[in-house]
Protein backbone atom coordinates (compact mmCIF):
# COMPACT_ATOMS: atom_id res chain seq x y z
CA MET A 1 17.65 28.75 16.77
CA ILE A 2 20.90 28.30 18.67
CA ASN A 3 24.28 27.40 17.03
CA GLN A 4 26.87 24.97 18.26
CA GLN A 5 28.75 27.99 19.77
CA GLY A 6 25.64 28.59 21.85
CA ASP A 7 24.66 31.90 20.03
CA ARG A 8 21.19 32.73 18.97
CA VAL A 9 20.54 32.87 15.25
CA ILE A 10 17.40 34.75 14.32
CA MET A 11 15.63 33.22 11.26
CA LYS A 12 13.23 35.16 8.91
CA LYS A 13 10.49 32.95 8.38
CA LYS A 14 7.62 32.89 5.65
CA VAL A 15 4.32 31.07 5.86
CA ILE A 16 3.85 28.38 3.12
CA ASP A 17 0.85 26.52 2.11
CA LYS A 18 -1.09 24.66 4.94
CA GLY A 19 -0.23 21.13 3.36
CA MET A 20 2.74 18.78 4.03
CA PRO A 21 5.73 20.16 6.04
CA PRO A 22 9.01 19.97 4.24
CA LEU A 23 10.42 17.22 6.24
CA VAL A 24 13.28 14.63 5.26
CA LEU A 25 12.21 10.88 6.27
CA PRO A 26 13.94 7.61 5.94
CA THR A 27 12.56 5.11 3.48
CA CYS A 28 11.92 1.43 3.94
CA LEU A 29 10.50 -1.43 2.17
CA LEU A 30 7.62 -2.89 3.89
CA GLY A 31 7.29 -6.65 3.30
CA SER A 32 4.61 -9.43 3.71
CA VAL A 33 3.45 -12.58 2.06
CA ASN A 34 0.36 -12.68 0.23
CA GLU A 35 -1.29 -15.19 -2.03
CA GLY A 36 1.86 -17.31 -1.23
CA ARG A 37 4.46 -14.82 -2.41
CA ALA A 38 6.75 -11.88 -0.77
CA ASN A 39 5.82 -8.52 -1.73
CA PHE A 40 7.13 -5.15 -0.82
CA CYS A 41 5.80 -1.67 -1.09
CA THR A 42 7.77 1.41 -0.26
CA VAL A 43 6.96 3.56 2.86
CA ALA A 44 8.42 6.93 4.09
CA TRP A 45 6.04 7.60 6.65
CA PHE A 46 7.27 5.26 9.39
CA THR A 47 8.49 5.88 13.00
CA MET A 48 9.45 4.19 16.34
CA ILE A 49 6.66 4.51 18.67
CA ASP A 50 7.86 3.04 21.87
CA ASP A 51 11.16 1.39 23.13
CA GLU A 52 9.70 -1.09 25.55
CA PRO A 53 8.44 -3.31 23.93
CA PRO A 54 10.24 -1.74 20.88
CA THR A 55 7.08 -0.59 18.54
CA ILE A 56 6.91 0.63 15.23
CA GLY A 57 4.42 2.30 12.93
CA LEU A 58 3.89 2.60 9.29
CA VAL A 59 1.38 4.60 7.43
CA LEU A 60 0.13 3.52 4.03
CA GLY A 61 -2.81 3.67 1.74
CA LYS A 62 -6.19 2.06 2.29
CA LYS A 63 -5.82 -0.57 -0.43
CA ARG A 64 -2.44 -2.29 -0.38
CA PHE A 65 -1.25 -5.81 -1.44
CA THR A 66 1.24 -5.87 1.30
CA LYS A 67 -1.26 -4.61 3.86
CA ASP A 68 -3.52 -7.45 2.88
CA GLY A 69 -0.66 -9.95 3.75
CA ILE A 70 0.23 -8.28 7.05
CA VAL A 71 -3.48 -8.51 8.21
CA ALA A 72 -3.85 -12.10 7.12
CA ASN A 73 -0.69 -13.44 8.73
CA LYS A 74 -0.19 -10.88 11.65
CA THR A 75 3.46 -10.16 10.81
CA PHE A 76 5.77 -8.24 8.30
CA SER A 77 9.13 -7.04 7.76
CA VAL A 78 10.81 -3.46 7.51
CA ASN A 79 13.84 -3.28 5.32
CA ILE A 80 16.00 -0.30 5.12
CA PRO A 81 17.39 0.41 1.42
CA THR A 82 20.57 2.14 0.57
CA VAL A 83 21.20 5.05 -1.71
CA GLU A 84 22.26 2.65 -4.25
CA GLN A 85 18.93 0.87 -4.23
CA VAL A 86 16.78 4.10 -5.24
CA LYS A 87 15.57 2.54 -8.31
CA VAL A 88 14.20 -0.46 -7.06
CA THR A 89 12.95 1.20 -4.09
CA ASP A 90 11.07 3.84 -6.06
CA TYR A 91 9.62 1.00 -8.20
CA CYS A 92 8.10 -0.70 -5.22
CA GLY A 93 6.40 2.58 -4.50
CA ILE A 94 4.91 2.95 -7.91
CA ARG A 95 3.91 -0.54 -8.81
CA SER A 96 1.14 -2.32 -7.11
CA GLY A 97 1.62 -5.81 -6.03
CA TYR A 98 -1.91 -6.45 -7.40
CA LYS A 99 -0.89 -6.15 -10.70
CA VAL A 100 2.93 -6.94 -10.54
CA ASP A 101 5.11 -9.85 -8.93
CA LYS A 102 7.94 -7.91 -7.14
CA SER A 103 9.25 -11.20 -5.30
CA SER A 104 11.91 -11.62 -7.93
CA LEU A 105 13.32 -8.30 -7.34
CA PHE A 106 15.28 -9.17 -4.17
CA THR A 107 17.19 -12.13 -2.28
CA ILE A 108 14.59 -13.06 -0.05
CA HIS A 109 15.25 -15.00 3.40
CA TYR A 110 13.44 -15.57 6.53
CA GLY A 111 14.43 -15.21 10.00
CA SER A 112 12.48 -16.04 13.21
CA VAL A 113 9.14 -14.20 12.21
CA GLU A 114 7.22 -16.24 10.05
CA HIS A 115 5.72 -14.54 6.76
CA ALA A 116 7.95 -11.43 7.31
CA PRO A 117 10.23 -11.47 4.19
CA LEU A 118 13.69 -10.04 4.75
CA ILE A 119 15.66 -8.65 1.83
CA GLU A 120 19.22 -9.81 1.91
CA GLU A 121 20.28 -6.68 -0.26
CA CYS A 122 19.36 -4.28 2.49
CA PRO A 123 21.53 -3.62 5.23
CA ILE A 124 19.15 -3.55 7.76
CA SER A 125 16.08 -5.93 8.15
CA ILE A 126 13.44 -5.93 10.98
CA GLY A 127 10.98 -8.69 11.45
CA CYS A 128 7.83 -7.52 13.46
CA SER A 129 4.43 -9.03 14.69
CA LEU A 130 1.37 -7.14 14.03
CA SER A 131 -0.05 -5.35 17.01
CA GLN A 132 -3.03 -3.24 15.51
CA VAL A 133 -4.22 -1.35 12.49
CA LEU A 134 -5.38 2.02 13.17
CA GLU A 135 -7.82 3.52 10.67
CA PHE A 136 -7.72 7.12 9.50
CA PRO A 137 -10.14 8.41 6.87
CA GLY A 138 -7.45 8.15 3.73
CA VAL A 139 -4.85 6.18 5.40
CA ASP A 140 -4.11 3.39 7.85
CA MET A 141 -1.26 2.89 10.34
CA ILE A 142 0.26 -0.52 10.73
CA ILE A 143 1.66 -0.82 14.31
CA GLY A 144 3.90 -3.66 15.11
CA THR A 145 6.18 -5.16 17.74
CA VAL A 146 9.91 -5.51 16.70
CA GLU A 147 10.73 -9.20 17.17
CA GLU A 148 14.26 -9.21 15.61
CA VAL A 149 16.67 -6.92 13.61
CA LEU A 150 19.22 -8.19 11.36
CA VAL A 151 22.14 -5.81 10.38
CA ASP A 152 24.73 -6.33 7.72
CA GLU A 153 28.18 -7.10 9.44
CA ALA A 154 30.05 -4.67 7.19
CA CYS A 155 27.66 -1.82 8.86
CA LEU A 156 28.82 -2.48 12.24
CA ILE A 157 31.81 -0.83 14.25
CA GLU A 158 32.47 -2.58 17.64
CA GLY A 159 29.19 -4.15 17.64
CA LYS A 160 27.23 -0.87 16.83
CA VAL A 161 25.52 0.30 13.39
CA ASP A 162 27.43 3.09 11.68
CA GLN A 163 24.73 4.87 9.59
CA ARG A 164 27.28 6.25 7.31
CA ARG A 165 28.09 2.66 6.45
CA VAL A 166 24.25 1.73 6.08
CA LYS A 167 23.89 4.84 3.64
CA PRO A 168 20.23 4.83 4.11
CA LEU A 169 17.75 6.29 1.46
CA LEU A 170 16.00 9.36 2.48
CA TYR A 171 12.78 11.01 0.92
CA ALA A 172 12.32 15.01 1.03
CA MET A 173 8.72 15.85 1.64
CA PRO A 174 6.60 16.60 -0.24
CA GLY A 175 7.06 14.75 -3.29
CA GLY A 176 10.71 14.13 -3.33
CA PRO A 177 13.60 14.10 -4.32
CA TYR A 178 15.33 11.15 -2.66
CA VAL A 179 18.51 12.22 -0.85
CA GLY A 180 21.37 10.76 1.25
CA MET A 181 22.61 11.17 4.65
CA GLY A 182 25.05 13.94 5.34
CA GLU A 183 28.01 13.89 7.71
CA GLU A 184 27.91 13.28 11.41
CA VAL A 185 26.89 16.73 13.07
CA ALA A 186 27.43 15.99 16.93
CA LYS A 187 26.83 13.37 19.42
CA ALA A 188 23.35 12.82 20.49
CA PHE A 189 22.51 13.19 24.23
CA SER A 190 25.97 14.81 24.76
CA ILE A 191 26.48 17.90 22.55
CA GLY A 192 23.69 19.62 24.62
CA LYS A 193 25.25 19.34 27.91
CA SER A 194 27.76 21.83 26.97
CA LEU A 195 25.42 24.62 26.20
CA LYS A 196 25.46 27.27 29.08
CA LYS A 197 22.98 29.76 29.58
CA LYS A 198 23.84 33.41 29.08
């Protein structure tokens, strides 16, 4: 590891179990319409896959009420909750849409993507069209094209998103806890330019 001053810092590492690595991931509320109602499930395993066209991928279990709606309508939403929304976010992850109607938990609206329910209380909402479903032995990956991105105006500074205002909810693997984002460390694609080889 190299610190900000450019000095090498040697770390003593220990081998741990061969399971899930201890990563910190953002959480989202994945939304779809199924059986005539909006439904949401909590997903922490998601990432951007490409930027042209903007493509996003989300990993979830085989049998999900939300996934049934995605496959049926070929659209979905990705809503980014704040740290203040931890209770309702966790609830959406531990209660199945097959058994519970979660549509009343949020103020729901729709943008230009049909059947992609957007959560008004979430500072960032993304409407997507389904590209494909990749099937793995234990999980499936939903891959979609980002069609529109809506951001709460209060989270913008000069037209750009300030993540400190978003206050995204993060999930520490494996098994939690939920955590919040820390302070800004450095400017990406910039701080590395000051590193000089010794």
